[in-house]
Each structure stands twice: as C-alpha cells, then as structure tokens.
Amino acid sequence: MSTTRIAALTNLGDLFDTGLREQDDPCLTAIGPDGAPTHYTRRAFEAEADAIARGLLARGLPPGARVGIVAGNSARFLFAFFGIMRAGLCAVPMNFRLGPAARAHVFADSETVLAFVDAERAPLIPEGVPTIRLDDDAEWNAARDPGPFAARAVAPGDFANILYTSGSTGLPKGVLSVVTSSRASD
C-alpha cells in the first residue's frame, strides 16, 4: 500500500480495501471446529465486513459508539472488527482472560454499548450489555445487512478502536487508536 493511499484514509476499516489487489485473491483461511478449512477471498471478506457495518448502523448506533468483541479467534471476529470500524464506530476487542474486576472496568471505562461474543465467553458480558453471538448462525445472520457499503468517513481524532493493556500494574488501561495516528506522510 502506498503512503499516498494510507495518507488518504478516512476510516481504518478501509485498510482492508479490495481495490488494492485482485478481489478474488484469497486472503483468509479459517479452520473450523471439525478441522475443515474455509477460504475467503478479498471480495467475500469485504462483503462480510460491510454486512456487519450496515447491520450495526441499522441498529441506530451513533458515530463513535463503542462495540466490544469478546471471543476466541475466528473469521467472524475479523469481519466484526473491520465492520465496526467501517461503520464509523469504535471497536473494543477485549481480553477474555481478565478477571471479573478488570473485565468490569474495561466495559465501564470503554462505555461499550454492544458486544460480539461466542458461546464460551457470553457469560463474561455484564448484565444489560446486548450481545451478538459470532458462533450462532441465526444471530450472526440477523446482525448482518448485506449490500453495497462505503466506509463512513470519520473525523481526525475520532477513535477507530481501543485496545486495553493486561492490567499487570493495576486496572487495564485503554490505548486509543486515533484515525490521524494511522496516517502516513508522503
């Protein structure tokens, strides 16, 4: 990716832009619970992220709303992560190994309003925070709104995501990824 292209980004979700390479090039292989691989092309990856972005906006989430992800690694984790950012929202992937107090702090500190989860980690979500199950096909499909989508431009200084430290010296601290911090100069 050229530095000119990076400098023009107005949404970190555009870092995965199919216009940069052939859309039918493979870009992701996910290994299912049965060990069988599923291959995704760039076009398929972008379509999944866009469907999540449209679905999140259809829920009425305002620009910059914090959306958590508390799940093991999966293709849907990545689709959600990029979809959140493409929608102009703030992705908050969380370490599910945090203890209860640290986890509660991260949810409160980040002001997470919705969380993508898997079945194993669903009990870790605080009461009152709505969830979307990554590993439940019915919930996943209900959260998607397939169709064309252009990533929302976000203002310089808006948060793209918040990554939390492990909390080894106290409570976890949020590290903010700001849209302008990803820009490169020519």
C-alpha atoms as a PDB file:
ATOM      1  CA  MET A   1       0.000   0.000   0.000  1.00  0.00           C
ATOM      2  CA  SER A   2       1.454   3.328  -0.983  1.00  0.00           C
ATOM      3  CA  THR A   3       1.966   6.058   1.575  1.00  0.00           C
ATOM      4  CA  THR A   4      -0.275   8.287  -0.550  1.00  0.00           C
ATOM      5  CA  ARG A   5      -3.118   5.741  -0.196  1.00  0.00           C
ATOM      6  CA  ILE A   6      -2.545   5.478   3.562  1.00  0.00           C
ATOM      7  CA  ALA A   7      -2.487   9.266   3.894  1.00  0.00           C
ATOM      8  CA  ALA A   8      -5.891   9.422   2.189  1.00  0.00           C
ATOM      9  CA  LEU A   9      -7.586   7.027   4.619  1.00  0.00           C
ATOM     10  CA  THR A  10     -10.540   8.467   6.486  1.00  0.00           C
ATOM     11  CA  ASN A  11     -11.512   5.172   8.147  1.00  0.00           C
ATOM     12  CA  LEU A  12      -9.199   2.415   9.439  1.00  0.00           C
ATOM     13  CA  GLY A  13     -11.730  -0.125   8.183  1.00  0.00           C
ATOM     14  CA  ASP A  14     -10.530   0.841   4.706  1.00  0.00           C
ATOM     15  CA  LEU A  15      -7.108  -0.672   5.396  1.00  0.00           C
ATOM     16  CA  PHE A  16      -8.679  -3.810   4.009  1.00  0.00           C
ATOM     17  CA  ASP A  17      -9.616  -2.322   0.651  1.00  0.00           C
ATOM     18  CA  THR A  18     -10.277  -4.788  -2.166  1.00  0.00           C
ATOM     19  CA  GLY A  19      -9.366  -2.132  -4.725  1.00  0.00           C
ATOM     20  CA  LEU A  20      -5.719  -2.584  -3.780  1.00  0.00           C
ATOM     21  CA  ARG A  21      -5.445  -6.166  -5.030  1.00  0.00           C
ATOM     22  CA  GLU A  22      -7.463  -8.588  -7.093  1.00  0.00           C
ATOM     23  CA  GLN A  23     -10.829  -9.060  -5.399  1.00  0.00           C
ATOM     24  CA  ASP A  24     -10.813 -12.792  -5.952  1.00  0.00           C
ATOM     25  CA  ASP A  25      -7.392 -13.318  -4.391  1.00  0.00           C
ATOM     26  CA  PRO A  26      -7.562 -15.492  -1.286  1.00  0.00           C
ATOM     27  CA  CYS A  27      -6.932 -13.500   1.861  1.00  0.00           C
ATOM     28  CA  LEU A  28      -8.139 -15.582   4.809  1.00  0.00           C
ATOM     29  CA  THR A  29      -8.373 -19.259   5.641  1.00  0.00           C
ATOM     30  CA  ALA A  30     -10.370 -20.164   8.727  1.00  0.00           C
ATOM     31  CA  ILE A  31     -10.129 -23.614  10.265  1.00  0.00           C
ATOM     32  CA  GLY A  32     -13.488 -24.816  11.594  1.00  0.00           C
ATOM     33  CA  PRO A  33     -14.098 -26.882  14.740  1.00  0.00           C
ATOM     34  CA  ASP A  34     -14.040 -30.009  12.573  1.00  0.00           C
ATOM     35  CA  GLY A  35     -10.636 -29.047  11.142  1.00  0.00           C
ATOM     36  CA  ALA A  36     -12.025 -28.218   7.699  1.00  0.00           C
ATOM     37  CA  PRO A  37     -10.695 -25.040   6.102  1.00  0.00           C
ATOM     38  CA  THR A  38     -12.928 -22.269   4.774  1.00  0.00           C
ATOM     39  CA  HIS A  39     -11.266 -19.902   2.327  1.00  0.00           C
ATOM     40  CA  TYR A  40     -12.340 -16.271   1.928  1.00  0.00           C
ATOM     41  CA  THR A  41     -11.446 -14.008  -0.967  1.00  0.00           C
ATOM     42  CA  ARG A  42     -10.924 -10.286  -0.520  1.00  0.00           C
ATOM     43  CA  ARG A  43     -14.340  -9.701  -2.074  1.00  0.00           C
ATOM     44  CA  ALA A  44     -16.008 -12.108   0.396  1.00  0.00           C
ATOM     45  CA  PHE A  45     -14.138 -10.586   3.356  1.00  0.00           C
ATOM     46  CA  GLU A  46     -15.214  -7.074   2.435  1.00  0.00           C
ATOM     47  CA  ALA A  47     -18.815  -8.204   1.820  1.00  0.00           C
ATOM     48  CA  GLU A  48     -18.965  -9.739   5.317  1.00  0.00           C
ATOM     49  CA  ALA A  49     -17.460  -6.656   6.992  1.00  0.00           C
ATOM     50  CA  ASP A  50     -19.830  -4.411   5.042  1.00  0.00           C
ATOM     51  CA  ALA A  51     -22.859  -6.520   6.011  1.00  0.00           C
ATOM     52  CA  ILE A  52     -21.898  -6.131   9.671  1.00  0.00           C
ATOM     53  CA  ALA A  53     -21.326  -2.375   9.242  1.00  0.00           C
ATOM     54  CA  ARG A  54     -24.765  -1.936   7.639  1.00  0.00           C
ATOM     55  CA  GLY A  55     -26.360  -4.115  10.319  1.00  0.00           C
ATOM     56  CA  LEU A  56     -24.792  -2.092  13.130  1.00  0.00           C
ATOM     57  CA  LEU A  57     -25.938   1.190  11.610  1.00  0.00           C
ATOM     58  CA  ALA A  58     -29.453  -0.243  11.178  1.00  0.00           C
ATOM     59  CA  ARG A  59     -29.490  -0.673  14.977  1.00  0.00           C
ATOM     60  CA  GLY A  60     -29.199   3.095  15.271  1.00  0.00           C
ATOM     61  CA  LEU A  61     -25.758   3.178  16.873  1.00  0.00           C
ATOM     62  CA  PRO A  62     -24.367   6.725  16.791  1.00  0.00           C
ATOM     63  CA  PRO A  63     -20.965   7.538  15.253  1.00  0.00           C
ATOM     64  CA  GLY A  64     -18.167   6.552  17.604  1.00  0.00           C
ATOM     65  CA  ALA A  65     -20.277   4.143  19.701  1.00  0.00           C
ATOM     66  CA  ARG A  66     -18.062   1.528  21.356  1.00  0.00           C
ATOM     67  CA  VAL A  67     -18.699  -2.065  20.290  1.00  0.00           C
ATOM     68  CA  GLY A  68     -16.849  -4.825  22.126  1.00  0.00           C
ATOM     69  CA  ILE A  69     -15.614  -8.164  20.867  1.00  0.00           C
ATOM     70  CA  VAL A  70     -15.143 -10.883  23.498  1.00  0.00           C
ATOM     71  CA  ALA A  71     -14.436 -14.103  21.649  1.00  0.00           C
ATOM     72  CA  GLY A  72     -11.804 -16.533  20.514  1.00  0.00           C
ATOM     73  CA  ASN A  73     -10.097 -16.018  17.173  1.00  0.00           C
ATOM     74  CA  SER A  74     -12.321 -16.647  14.171  1.00  0.00           C
ATOM     75  CA  ALA A  75     -13.104 -15.252  10.744  1.00  0.00           C
ATOM     76  CA  ARG A  76     -16.261 -13.680  12.162  1.00  0.00           C
ATOM     77  CA  PHE A  77     -14.150 -11.902  14.804  1.00  0.00           C
ATOM     78  CA  LEU A  78     -12.257 -10.213  11.963  1.00  0.00           C
ATOM     79  CA  PHE A  79     -15.430  -9.437   9.999  1.00  0.00           C
ATOM     80  CA  ALA A  80     -16.901  -7.818  13.125  1.00  0.00           C
ATOM     81  CA  PHE A  81     -13.697  -5.878  13.886  1.00  0.00           C
ATOM     82  CA  PHE A  82     -13.487  -4.370  10.402  1.00  0.00           C
ATOM     83  CA  GLY A  83     -17.266  -3.945  10.119  1.00  0.00           C
ATOM     84  CA  ILE A  84     -17.362  -1.947  13.357  1.00  0.00           C
ATOM     85  CA  MET A  85     -14.684   0.428  12.107  1.00  0.00           C
ATOM     86  CA  ARG A  86     -16.156   0.675   8.584  1.00  0.00           C
ATOM     87  CA  ALA A  87     -19.442   1.781  10.207  1.00  0.00           C
ATOM     88  CA  GLY A  88     -17.623   4.678  11.886  1.00  0.00           C
ATOM     89  CA  LEU A  89     -17.922   3.008  15.285  1.00  0.00           C
ATOM     90  CA  CYS A  90     -15.145   2.184  17.740  1.00  0.00           C
ATOM     91  CA  ALA A  91     -14.051  -1.461  18.025  1.00  0.00           C
ATOM     92  CA  VAL A  92     -13.097  -2.638  21.516  1.00  0.00           C
ATOM     93  CA  PRO A  93     -11.591  -6.141  21.358  1.00  0.00           C
ATOM     94  CA  MET A  94     -11.261  -7.445  24.909  1.00  0.00           C
ATOM     95  CA  ASN A  95      -9.034  -9.980  26.617  1.00  0.00           C
ATOM     96  CA  PHE A  96     -11.422 -12.625  27.890  1.00  0.00           C
ATOM     97  CA  ARG A  97      -8.764 -13.867  30.340  1.00  0.00           C
ATOM     98  CA  LEU A  98      -9.118 -10.756  32.508  1.00  0.00           C
ATOM     99  CA  GLY A  99     -10.510 -11.293  35.989  1.00  0.00           C
ATOM    100  CA  PRO A 100     -14.034 -10.119  36.850  1.00  0.00           C
ATOM    101  CA  ALA A 101     -12.985  -6.734  38.317  1.00  0.00           C
ATOM    102  CA  ALA A 102     -10.679  -5.898  35.415  1.00  0.00           C
ATOM    103  CA  ARG A 103     -13.276  -7.015  32.881  1.00  0.00           C
ATOM    104  CA  ALA A 104     -15.972  -4.887  34.538  1.00  0.00           C
ATOM    105  CA  HIS A 105     -13.572  -1.936  34.478  1.00  0.00           C
ATOM    106  CA  VAL A 106     -12.912  -2.358  30.739  1.00  0.00           C
ATOM    107  CA  PHE A 107     -16.635  -2.459  29.925  1.00  0.00           C
ATOM    108  CA  ALA A 108     -17.351   0.610  32.065  1.00  0.00           C
ATOM    109  CA  ASP A 109     -14.257   2.571  31.028  1.00  0.00           C
ATOM    110  CA  SER A 110     -14.828   1.947  27.311  1.00  0.00           C
ATOM    111  CA  GLU A 111     -18.566   2.624  27.563  1.00  0.00           C
ATOM    112  CA  THR A 112     -19.268  -0.456  25.450  1.00  0.00           C
ATOM    113  CA  VAL A 113     -22.889  -0.454  24.257  1.00  0.00           C
ATOM    114  CA  LEU A 114     -22.938  -3.789  22.388  1.00  0.00           C
ATOM    115  CA  ALA A 115     -20.666  -6.831  22.310  1.00  0.00           C
ATOM    116  CA  PHE A 116     -19.920  -9.577  19.812  1.00  0.00           C
ATOM    117  CA  VAL A 117     -19.338 -12.803  21.768  1.00  0.00           C
ATOM    118  CA  ASP A 118     -19.028 -16.532  21.354  1.00  0.00           C
ATOM    119  CA  ALA A 119     -20.888 -19.098  23.466  1.00  0.00           C
ATOM    120  CA  GLU A 120     -17.923 -19.812  25.719  1.00  0.00           C
ATOM    121  CA  ARG A 121     -17.466 -16.151  26.664  1.00  0.00           C
ATOM    122  CA  ALA A 122     -21.099 -14.979  26.668  1.00  0.00           C
ATOM    123  CA  PRO A 123     -21.328 -15.376  30.483  1.00  0.00           C
ATOM    124  CA  LEU A 124     -18.496 -12.813  30.836  1.00  0.00           C
ATOM    125  CA  ILE A 125     -20.611  -9.955  29.454  1.00  0.00           C
ATOM    126  CA  PRO A 126     -22.061  -7.587  32.077  1.00  0.00           C
ATOM    127  CA  GLU A 127     -25.810  -7.598  32.522  1.00  0.00           C
ATOM    128  CA  GLY A 128     -27.514  -5.021  30.368  1.00  0.00           C
ATOM    129  CA  VAL A 129     -24.982  -5.097  27.501  1.00  0.00           C
ATOM    130  CA  PRO A 130     -26.704  -6.561  24.421  1.00  0.00           C
ATOM    131  CA  THR A 131     -24.774  -9.240  22.553  1.00  0.00           C
ATOM    132  CA  ILE A 132     -24.466 -10.744  19.098  1.00  0.00           C
ATOM    133  CA  ARG A 133     -23.204 -14.309  19.021  1.00  0.00           C
ATOM    134  CA  LEU A 134     -20.443 -14.901  16.484  1.00  0.00           C
ATOM    135  CA  ASP A 135     -20.912 -18.663  16.641  1.00  0.00           C
ATOM    136  CA  ASP A 136     -24.695 -18.732  16.328  1.00  0.00           C
ATOM    137  CA  ASP A 137     -25.641 -18.651  12.648  1.00  0.00           C
ATOM    138  CA  ALA A 138     -29.148 -17.281  13.317  1.00  0.00           C
ATOM    139  CA  GLU A 139     -27.860 -14.393  15.482  1.00  0.00           C
ATOM    140  CA  TRP A 140     -24.971 -13.671  13.127  1.00  0.00           C
ATOM    141  CA  ASN A 141     -27.223 -13.572  10.085  1.00  0.00           C
ATOM    142  CA  ALA A 142     -29.787 -11.384  11.884  1.00  0.00           C
ATOM    143  CA  ALA A 143     -26.992  -8.890  12.678  1.00  0.00           C
ATOM    144  CA  ARG A 144     -25.950  -8.665   9.018  1.00  0.00           C
ATOM    145  CA  ASP A 145     -27.465  -6.398   6.379  1.00  0.00           C
ATOM    146  CA  PRO A 146     -25.817  -7.450   3.103  1.00  0.00           C
ATOM    147  CA  GLY A 147     -25.457  -4.892   0.351  1.00  0.00           C
ATOM    148  CA  PRO A 148     -23.187  -2.181  -1.002  1.00  0.00           C
ATOM    149  CA  PHE A 149     -21.492  -0.037   1.604  1.00  0.00           C
ATOM    150  CA  ALA A 150     -18.906   2.714   1.619  1.00  0.00           C
ATOM    151  CA  ALA A 151     -16.981   3.091   4.851  1.00  0.00           C
ATOM    152  CA  ARG A 152     -18.101   6.105   6.837  1.00  0.00           C
ATOM    153  CA  ALA A 153     -15.560   8.886   6.878  1.00  0.00           C
ATOM    154  CA  VAL A 154     -14.556   9.687  10.416  1.00  0.00           C
ATOM    155  CA  ALA A 155     -13.097  12.935  11.642  1.00  0.00           C
ATOM    156  CA  PRO A 156      -9.405  13.234  12.507  1.00  0.00           C
ATOM    157  CA  GLY A 157      -9.065  12.460  16.186  1.00  0.00           C
ATOM    158  CA  ASP A 158     -12.042  10.063  16.306  1.00  0.00           C
ATOM    159  CA  PHE A 159     -11.273   6.682  17.836  1.00  0.00           C
ATOM    160  CA  ALA A 160     -11.049   3.702  15.480  1.00  0.00           C
ATOM    161  CA  ASN A 161     -10.510   1.201  18.273  1.00  0.00           C
ATOM    162  CA  ILE A 162      -9.482   0.925  21.906  1.00  0.00           C
ATOM    163  CA  LEU A 163      -7.022  -1.772  22.930  1.00  0.00           C
ATOM    164  CA  TYR A 164      -6.637  -2.473  26.634  1.00  0.00           C
ATOM    165  CA  THR A 165      -3.434  -3.415  28.429  1.00  0.00           C
ATOM    166  CA  SER A 166      -3.297  -6.539  30.585  1.00  0.00           C
ATOM    167  CA  GLY A 167      -3.560  -4.562  33.788  1.00  0.00           C
ATOM    168  CA  SER A 168      -0.359  -6.005  35.221  1.00  0.00           C
ATOM    169  CA  THR A 169       0.286  -2.777  37.203  1.00  0.00           C
ATOM    170  CA  GLY A 170      -3.347  -2.180  38.202  1.00  0.00           C
ATOM    171  CA  LEU A 171      -6.508  -1.929  36.174  1.00  0.00           C
ATOM    172  CA  PRO A 172      -6.198  -2.291  32.377  1.00  0.00           C
ATOM    173  CA  LYS A 173      -5.600   0.970  30.560  1.00  0.00           C
ATOM    174  CA  GLY A 174      -7.180   1.824  27.217  1.00  0.00           C
ATOM    175  CA  VAL A 175      -4.846   2.594  24.334  1.00  0.00           C
ATOM    176  CA  LEU A 176      -6.737   4.659  21.788  1.00  0.00           C
ATOM    177  CA  SER A 177      -6.140   4.231  18.060  1.00  0.00           C
ATOM    178  CA  VAL A 178      -6.994   7.578  16.565  1.00  0.00           C
ATOM    179  CA  VAL A 179      -7.697   7.946  12.863  1.00  0.00           C
ATOM    180  CA  THR A 180      -4.946  10.559  12.396  1.00  0.00           C
ATOM    181  CA  SER A 181      -2.402   8.322  14.125  1.00  0.00           C
ATOM    182  CA  SER A 182      -2.636   5.855  11.237  1.00  0.00           C
ATOM    183  CA  ARG A 183      -1.884   8.370   8.526  1.00  0.00           C
ATOM    184  CA  ALA A 184       1.470   8.436   6.853  1.00  0.00           C
ATOM    185  CA  SER A 185       3.185  11.357   5.260  1.00  0.00           C
ATOM    186  CA  ASP A 186       4.380  11.273   1.664  1.00  0.00           C
END
